[in-house]
């Protein structure tokens, strides 16, 4: 089933570039043609619960927080499925400092982002639940 919506472009939202404080890692993951099509469409947030503005330019996916416009992830997709990820490390924009946690988080996000139709509300519920679980462990 195809989702009929506008393809996201950089100019659709105010964004902040990836800061100079960043890290890189390789994400080893394959994507089907349908999943890549979903990623190429990106996402223009339509509600407060939708936390991500995403768009592709060439083979690069840019993922910005929808409220602040901060660029959190930049994924350069490679044909060999060893995708180069640049992740924000500015502590005023993004709190995570652990690559292993970023790999888990990004894989979880990508699992949501490749679904058609994209279900931002259930993604938000899952993210909220995980945050509450983390705060209970402290």
N, C-alpha and C. Protein backbone atom coordinates (compact mmCIF):
# COMPACT_ATOMS: atom_id res chain seq x y z
N UNK A 1 0.84 -1.18 0.00
CA UNK A 1 0.00 0.00 0.00
C UNK A 1 0.89 1.24 0.00
N UNK A 2 0.66 2.13 -0.95
CA UNK A 2 1.45 3.35 -1.03
C UNK A 2 0.80 4.43 -0.19
N UNK A 3 1.65 5.22 0.43
CA UNK A 3 1.16 6.35 1.22
C UNK A 3 1.21 7.57 0.32
N UNK A 4 0.10 8.30 0.24
CA UNK A 4 0.01 9.44 -0.64
C UNK A 4 0.23 10.72 0.17
N UNK A 5 1.47 11.19 0.21
CA UNK A 5 1.76 12.42 0.92
C UNK A 5 2.93 13.12 0.26
N UNK A 6 3.10 14.38 0.60
CA UNK A 6 4.16 15.20 0.04
C UNK A 6 5.52 14.65 0.46
N UNK A 7 6.47 14.68 -0.46
CA UNK A 7 7.84 14.29 -0.16
C UNK A 7 8.51 15.45 0.56
N UNK A 8 9.11 15.14 1.71
CA UNK A 8 9.74 16.17 2.54
C UNK A 8 11.02 16.71 1.87
N UNK A 9 11.20 18.01 1.97
CA UNK A 9 12.39 18.69 1.47
C UNK A 9 12.95 19.56 2.59
N UNK A 10 14.24 19.85 2.51
CA UNK A 10 14.90 20.68 3.52
C UNK A 10 14.14 21.99 3.75
N UNK A 11 13.63 22.59 2.73
CA UNK A 11 12.97 23.90 2.84
C UNK A 11 11.59 23.84 3.50
N UNK A 12 11.10 22.64 3.84
CA UNK A 12 9.78 22.51 4.44
C UNK A 12 9.74 22.93 5.91
N UNK A 13 10.88 23.01 6.56
CA UNK A 13 10.95 23.40 7.97
C UNK A 13 12.22 24.18 8.22
N UNK A 14 12.21 24.98 9.29
CA UNK A 14 13.44 25.65 9.75
C UNK A 14 14.32 24.58 10.39
N UNK A 15 15.58 24.52 10.00
CA UNK A 15 16.48 23.52 10.56
C UNK A 15 17.79 24.17 11.00
N UNK A 16 18.47 23.46 11.89
CA UNK A 16 19.78 23.87 12.37
C UNK A 16 20.77 22.83 11.85
N UNK A 17 21.89 23.27 11.27
CA UNK A 17 22.85 22.29 10.72
C UNK A 17 23.46 21.41 11.81
N UNK A 18 24.04 20.31 11.39
CA UNK A 18 24.79 19.44 12.29
C UNK A 18 25.91 20.28 12.90
N UNK A 19 26.05 20.26 14.23
CA UNK A 19 27.09 21.08 14.86
C UNK A 19 28.49 20.51 14.62
N UNK A 20 29.49 21.34 14.89
CA UNK A 20 30.87 20.87 14.76
C UNK A 20 31.17 19.77 15.77
N UNK A 21 30.46 19.78 16.91
CA UNK A 21 30.61 18.72 17.90
C UNK A 21 29.74 17.55 17.46
N UNK A 22 30.36 16.57 16.85
CA UNK A 22 29.61 15.40 16.39
C UNK A 22 30.51 14.18 16.41
N UNK A 23 29.92 13.04 16.22
CA UNK A 23 30.64 11.77 16.20
C UNK A 23 30.16 11.01 14.97
N UNK A 24 30.88 10.00 14.56
CA UNK A 24 30.46 9.17 13.45
C UNK A 24 30.58 7.70 13.83
N UNK A 25 29.75 6.89 13.21
CA UNK A 25 29.83 5.45 13.36
C UNK A 25 29.22 4.80 12.12
N UNK A 26 29.48 3.51 11.96
CA UNK A 26 28.93 2.77 10.83
C UNK A 26 27.73 1.97 11.33
N UNK A 27 26.62 2.12 10.64
CA UNK A 27 25.41 1.35 10.92
C UNK A 27 25.31 0.25 9.88
N UNK A 28 25.39 -0.99 10.33
CA UNK A 28 25.32 -2.13 9.42
C UNK A 28 23.87 -2.61 9.40
N UNK A 29 23.21 -2.33 8.30
CA UNK A 29 21.80 -2.69 8.19
C UNK A 29 21.39 -2.63 6.73
N UNK A 30 20.57 -3.58 6.32
CA UNK A 30 20.06 -3.55 4.95
C UNK A 30 18.62 -3.05 4.96
N UNK A 31 18.22 -2.50 3.83
CA UNK A 31 16.87 -1.97 3.66
C UNK A 31 16.32 -2.49 2.34
N UNK A 32 15.04 -2.85 2.36
CA UNK A 32 14.39 -3.26 1.12
C UNK A 32 14.13 -2.01 0.27
N UNK A 33 13.76 -2.23 -0.99
CA UNK A 33 13.42 -1.09 -1.85
C UNK A 33 12.25 -0.31 -1.27
N UNK A 34 11.26 -1.01 -0.73
CA UNK A 34 10.08 -0.34 -0.15
C UNK A 34 10.48 0.50 1.07
N UNK A 35 11.39 -0.04 1.88
CA UNK A 35 11.84 0.71 3.06
C UNK A 35 12.62 1.95 2.64
N UNK A 36 13.46 1.83 1.64
CA UNK A 36 14.20 3.00 1.16
C UNK A 36 13.25 4.03 0.56
N UNK A 37 12.19 3.58 -0.11
CA UNK A 37 11.19 4.52 -0.63
C UNK A 37 10.55 5.30 0.51
N UNK A 38 10.23 4.61 1.61
CA UNK A 38 9.63 5.29 2.77
C UNK A 38 10.60 6.31 3.34
N UNK A 39 11.87 5.96 3.42
CA UNK A 39 12.86 6.91 3.94
C UNK A 39 13.04 8.09 2.99
N UNK A 40 12.99 7.83 1.68
CA UNK A 40 13.13 8.91 0.70
C UNK A 40 11.98 9.91 0.78
N UNK A 41 10.79 9.44 1.16
CA UNK A 41 9.64 10.35 1.30
C UNK A 41 9.84 11.29 2.48
N UNK A 42 10.58 10.83 3.51
CA UNK A 42 10.82 11.66 4.68
C UNK A 42 9.56 11.85 5.49
N UNK A 43 9.56 12.89 6.30
CA UNK A 43 8.41 13.16 7.16
C UNK A 43 8.37 14.64 7.51
N UNK A 44 7.22 15.24 7.27
CA UNK A 44 6.95 16.61 7.70
C UNK A 44 5.96 16.49 8.85
N UNK A 45 6.37 16.83 10.08
CA UNK A 45 5.49 16.65 11.23
C UNK A 45 4.18 17.42 11.08
N UNK A 46 3.09 16.73 11.47
CA UNK A 46 1.77 17.34 11.40
C UNK A 46 1.12 17.53 12.77
N UNK A 47 1.77 17.00 13.82
CA UNK A 47 1.21 17.14 15.17
C UNK A 47 2.34 17.26 16.18
N UNK A 48 1.98 17.66 17.39
CA UNK A 48 2.98 17.86 18.44
C UNK A 48 3.71 16.58 18.82
N UNK A 49 3.03 15.44 18.73
CA UNK A 49 3.66 14.18 19.11
C UNK A 49 4.69 13.70 18.10
N UNK A 50 4.65 14.23 16.91
CA UNK A 50 5.57 13.82 15.85
C UNK A 50 6.88 14.58 16.05
N UNK A 51 7.88 13.90 16.57
CA UNK A 51 9.10 14.56 17.02
C UNK A 51 10.18 14.69 15.95
N UNK A 52 9.97 14.14 14.76
CA UNK A 52 11.04 14.12 13.77
C UNK A 52 10.62 14.72 12.44
N UNK A 53 11.47 15.60 11.93
CA UNK A 53 11.40 16.09 10.56
C UNK A 53 12.55 15.42 9.83
N UNK A 54 12.22 14.67 8.76
CA UNK A 54 13.23 13.93 8.02
C UNK A 54 13.08 14.20 6.53
N UNK A 55 14.23 14.28 5.87
CA UNK A 55 14.22 14.42 4.42
C UNK A 55 15.51 13.81 3.88
N UNK A 56 15.47 13.45 2.60
CA UNK A 56 16.67 12.92 1.95
C UNK A 56 17.13 13.88 0.86
N UNK A 57 18.45 13.99 0.79
CA UNK A 57 19.10 14.70 -0.32
C UNK A 57 20.13 13.73 -0.87
N UNK A 58 19.94 13.30 -2.11
CA UNK A 58 20.82 12.29 -2.68
C UNK A 58 20.66 11.00 -1.87
N UNK A 59 21.76 10.47 -1.37
CA UNK A 59 21.71 9.23 -0.58
C UNK A 59 21.84 9.52 0.92
N UNK A 60 21.61 10.76 1.32
CA UNK A 60 21.76 11.15 2.73
C UNK A 60 20.41 11.49 3.34
N UNK A 61 20.11 10.85 4.47
CA UNK A 61 18.91 11.15 5.25
C UNK A 61 19.29 12.08 6.38
N UNK A 62 18.57 13.17 6.51
CA UNK A 62 18.77 14.14 7.58
C UNK A 62 17.60 14.00 8.55
N UNK A 63 17.89 13.84 9.82
CA UNK A 63 16.85 13.70 10.84
C UNK A 63 17.01 14.82 11.87
N UNK A 64 16.01 15.71 11.89
CA UNK A 64 16.01 16.87 12.79
C UNK A 64 14.88 16.72 13.79
N UNK A 65 15.09 17.20 15.00
CA UNK A 65 14.00 17.27 15.98
C UNK A 65 13.02 18.32 15.47
N UNK A 66 11.75 17.97 15.50
CA UNK A 66 10.75 18.83 14.87
C UNK A 66 10.56 20.16 15.60
N UNK A 67 10.70 20.19 16.91
CA UNK A 67 10.45 21.43 17.66
C UNK A 67 11.61 22.40 17.59
N UNK A 68 12.84 21.89 17.71
CA UNK A 68 14.01 22.76 17.76
C UNK A 68 14.69 22.92 16.41
N UNK A 69 14.49 21.97 15.53
CA UNK A 69 15.17 21.98 14.24
C UNK A 69 16.59 21.43 14.31
N UNK A 70 17.04 21.02 15.52
CA UNK A 70 18.39 20.49 15.66
C UNK A 70 18.57 19.24 14.82
N UNK A 71 19.68 19.17 14.11
CA UNK A 71 20.01 17.96 13.36
C UNK A 71 20.63 16.97 14.34
N UNK A 72 20.01 15.82 14.48
CA UNK A 72 20.50 14.80 15.41
C UNK A 72 21.26 13.71 14.66
N UNK A 73 20.69 13.25 13.55
CA UNK A 73 21.34 12.19 12.77
C UNK A 73 21.44 12.60 11.30
N UNK A 74 22.55 12.21 10.71
CA UNK A 74 22.75 12.32 9.27
C UNK A 74 23.24 10.94 8.83
N UNK A 75 22.49 10.29 7.96
CA UNK A 75 22.83 8.93 7.53
C UNK A 75 23.17 8.95 6.05
N UNK A 76 24.41 8.60 5.75
CA UNK A 76 24.84 8.47 4.36
C UNK A 76 24.73 7.00 3.99
N UNK A 77 23.71 6.67 3.20
CA UNK A 77 23.44 5.28 2.82
C UNK A 77 24.46 4.81 1.79
N UNK A 78 24.99 3.61 2.04
CA UNK A 78 26.00 3.01 1.16
C UNK A 78 25.46 1.72 0.58
N UNK A 79 25.85 1.41 -0.64
CA UNK A 79 25.37 0.20 -1.32
C UNK A 79 25.79 -1.08 -0.60
N UNK A 80 26.90 -1.05 0.14
CA UNK A 80 27.36 -2.25 0.84
C UNK A 80 26.71 -2.43 2.21
N UNK A 81 25.70 -1.59 2.52
CA UNK A 81 24.95 -1.64 3.79
C UNK A 81 25.79 -1.29 5.02
N UNK A 82 26.92 -0.64 4.83
CA UNK A 82 27.72 -0.08 5.91
C UNK A 82 27.54 1.43 5.87
N UNK A 83 26.43 1.89 6.42
CA UNK A 83 26.00 3.28 6.29
C UNK A 83 26.75 4.15 7.30
N UNK A 84 27.23 5.29 6.84
CA UNK A 84 27.97 6.21 7.70
C UNK A 84 26.98 7.15 8.39
N UNK A 85 26.98 7.11 9.71
CA UNK A 85 26.08 7.95 10.51
C UNK A 85 26.89 9.03 11.20
N UNK A 86 26.45 10.25 11.08
CA UNK A 86 26.99 11.36 11.86
C UNK A 86 25.94 11.69 12.90
N UNK A 87 26.36 11.80 14.15
CA UNK A 87 25.42 12.06 15.24
C UNK A 87 25.86 13.30 16.02
N UNK A 88 24.88 14.09 16.39
CA UNK A 88 25.08 15.32 17.13
C UNK A 88 25.69 15.01 18.50
N UNK A 89 26.70 15.77 18.92
CA UNK A 89 27.28 15.61 20.25
C UNK A 89 27.30 16.93 21.03
N UNK A 90 26.57 17.93 20.53
CA UNK A 90 26.46 19.18 21.28
C UNK A 90 25.54 18.94 22.47
N UNK A 91 26.06 19.01 23.70
CA UNK A 91 25.24 18.67 24.88
C UNK A 91 24.04 19.60 25.09
N UNK A 92 24.03 20.76 24.47
CA UNK A 92 22.87 21.64 24.59
C UNK A 92 21.78 21.26 23.59
N UNK A 93 22.12 20.42 22.61
CA UNK A 93 21.15 20.01 21.60
C UNK A 93 20.74 18.55 21.74
N UNK A 94 21.65 17.72 22.25
CA UNK A 94 21.40 16.27 22.30
C UNK A 94 22.23 15.70 23.44
N UNK A 95 21.58 14.99 24.33
CA UNK A 95 22.23 14.55 25.57
C UNK A 95 23.02 13.25 25.45
N UNK A 96 22.68 12.40 24.51
CA UNK A 96 23.35 11.10 24.41
C UNK A 96 24.82 11.28 24.03
N UNK A 97 25.69 10.49 24.66
CA UNK A 97 27.13 10.54 24.36
C UNK A 97 27.69 9.16 24.04
N UNK A 98 26.83 8.16 23.96
CA UNK A 98 27.25 6.77 23.81
C UNK A 98 26.86 6.22 22.44
N UNK A 99 27.84 5.81 21.66
CA UNK A 99 27.58 5.30 20.31
C UNK A 99 26.69 4.06 20.36
N UNK A 100 26.93 3.16 21.30
CA UNK A 100 26.09 1.94 21.37
C UNK A 100 24.63 2.29 21.61
N UNK A 101 24.37 3.27 22.46
CA UNK A 101 22.99 3.70 22.69
C UNK A 101 22.41 4.34 21.44
N UNK A 102 23.23 5.12 20.73
CA UNK A 102 22.77 5.73 19.48
C UNK A 102 22.43 4.67 18.44
N UNK A 103 23.22 3.61 18.35
CA UNK A 103 22.94 2.54 17.39
C UNK A 103 21.58 1.92 17.71
N UNK A 104 21.32 1.63 18.98
CA UNK A 104 20.04 1.05 19.38
C UNK A 104 18.89 2.00 19.08
N UNK A 105 19.06 3.26 19.47
CA UNK A 105 18.01 4.25 19.26
C UNK A 105 17.74 4.45 17.77
N UNK A 106 18.79 4.60 16.99
CA UNK A 106 18.61 4.83 15.56
C UNK A 106 17.96 3.63 14.89
N UNK A 107 18.35 2.42 15.26
CA UNK A 107 17.70 1.24 14.69
C UNK A 107 16.22 1.19 15.05
N UNK A 108 15.90 1.54 16.28
CA UNK A 108 14.49 1.57 16.70
C UNK A 108 13.72 2.63 15.90
N UNK A 109 14.32 3.80 15.73
CA UNK A 109 13.67 4.85 14.94
C UNK A 109 13.49 4.40 13.49
N UNK A 110 14.53 3.82 12.92
CA UNK A 110 14.42 3.36 11.54
C UNK A 110 13.34 2.31 11.37
N UNK A 111 13.16 1.46 12.38
CA UNK A 111 12.06 0.48 12.32
C UNK A 111 10.72 1.18 12.16
N UNK A 112 10.55 2.31 12.83
CA UNK A 112 9.30 3.09 12.70
C UNK A 112 9.25 3.84 11.38
N UNK A 113 10.37 4.46 11.01
CA UNK A 113 10.38 5.34 9.85
C UNK A 113 10.17 4.61 8.54
N UNK A 114 10.47 3.32 8.47
CA UNK A 114 10.29 2.58 7.21
C UNK A 114 8.87 2.03 7.05
N UNK A 115 8.05 2.17 8.09
CA UNK A 115 6.67 1.68 7.99
C UNK A 115 5.83 2.60 7.13
N UNK A 116 4.95 2.00 6.36
CA UNK A 116 4.00 2.77 5.55
C UNK A 116 2.61 2.29 5.92
N UNK A 117 1.74 3.14 6.43
CA UNK A 117 2.04 4.53 6.74
C UNK A 117 2.83 4.66 8.04
N UNK A 118 3.59 5.73 8.12
CA UNK A 118 4.39 6.03 9.30
C UNK A 118 3.45 6.38 10.45
N UNK A 119 3.69 5.77 11.61
CA UNK A 119 2.81 5.93 12.77
C UNK A 119 3.53 6.71 13.86
N UNK A 120 3.55 8.03 13.75
CA UNK A 120 4.29 8.86 14.71
C UNK A 120 3.73 8.77 16.12
N UNK A 121 2.43 8.56 16.25
CA UNK A 121 1.83 8.53 17.58
C UNK A 121 2.33 7.32 18.38
N UNK A 122 2.33 6.13 17.77
CA UNK A 122 2.84 4.96 18.48
C UNK A 122 4.34 5.05 18.71
N UNK A 123 5.07 5.69 17.81
CA UNK A 123 6.49 5.92 18.04
C UNK A 123 6.66 6.80 19.28
N UNK A 124 5.87 7.85 19.38
CA UNK A 124 5.92 8.77 20.53
C UNK A 124 5.59 8.02 21.82
N UNK A 125 4.55 7.17 21.80
CA UNK A 125 4.20 6.39 22.99
C UNK A 125 5.35 5.47 23.41
N UNK A 126 5.97 4.81 22.46
CA UNK A 126 7.09 3.92 22.76
C UNK A 126 8.27 4.68 23.33
N UNK A 127 8.57 5.81 22.75
CA UNK A 127 9.68 6.64 23.23
C UNK A 127 9.41 7.14 24.64
N UNK A 128 8.19 7.55 24.90
CA UNK A 128 7.81 8.02 26.23
C UNK A 128 7.92 6.90 27.25
N UNK A 129 7.46 5.72 26.90
CA UNK A 129 7.53 4.56 27.79
C UNK A 129 8.99 4.23 28.12
N UNK A 130 9.87 4.22 27.10
CA UNK A 130 11.29 3.92 27.34
C UNK A 130 11.91 4.98 28.24
N UNK A 131 11.56 6.23 28.07
CA UNK A 131 12.08 7.30 28.92
C UNK A 131 11.64 7.10 30.37
N UNK A 132 10.40 6.73 30.55
CA UNK A 132 9.90 6.48 31.92
C UNK A 132 10.62 5.29 32.55
N UNK A 133 10.87 4.26 31.78
CA UNK A 133 11.59 3.10 32.29
C UNK A 133 12.99 3.50 32.72
N UNK A 134 13.67 4.31 31.93
CA UNK A 134 15.02 4.76 32.27
C UNK A 134 15.01 5.57 33.55
N UNK A 135 14.03 6.45 33.70
CA UNK A 135 13.98 7.30 34.89
C UNK A 135 13.69 6.49 36.14
N UNK A 136 12.96 5.39 36.02
CA UNK A 136 12.69 4.51 37.17
C UNK A 136 13.94 3.78 37.63
N UNK A 137 14.89 3.57 36.73
CA UNK A 137 16.10 2.82 37.07
C UNK A 137 17.12 3.69 37.78
N UNK A 138 16.93 4.99 37.78
CA UNK A 138 17.92 5.90 38.39
C UNK A 138 17.70 6.07 39.85
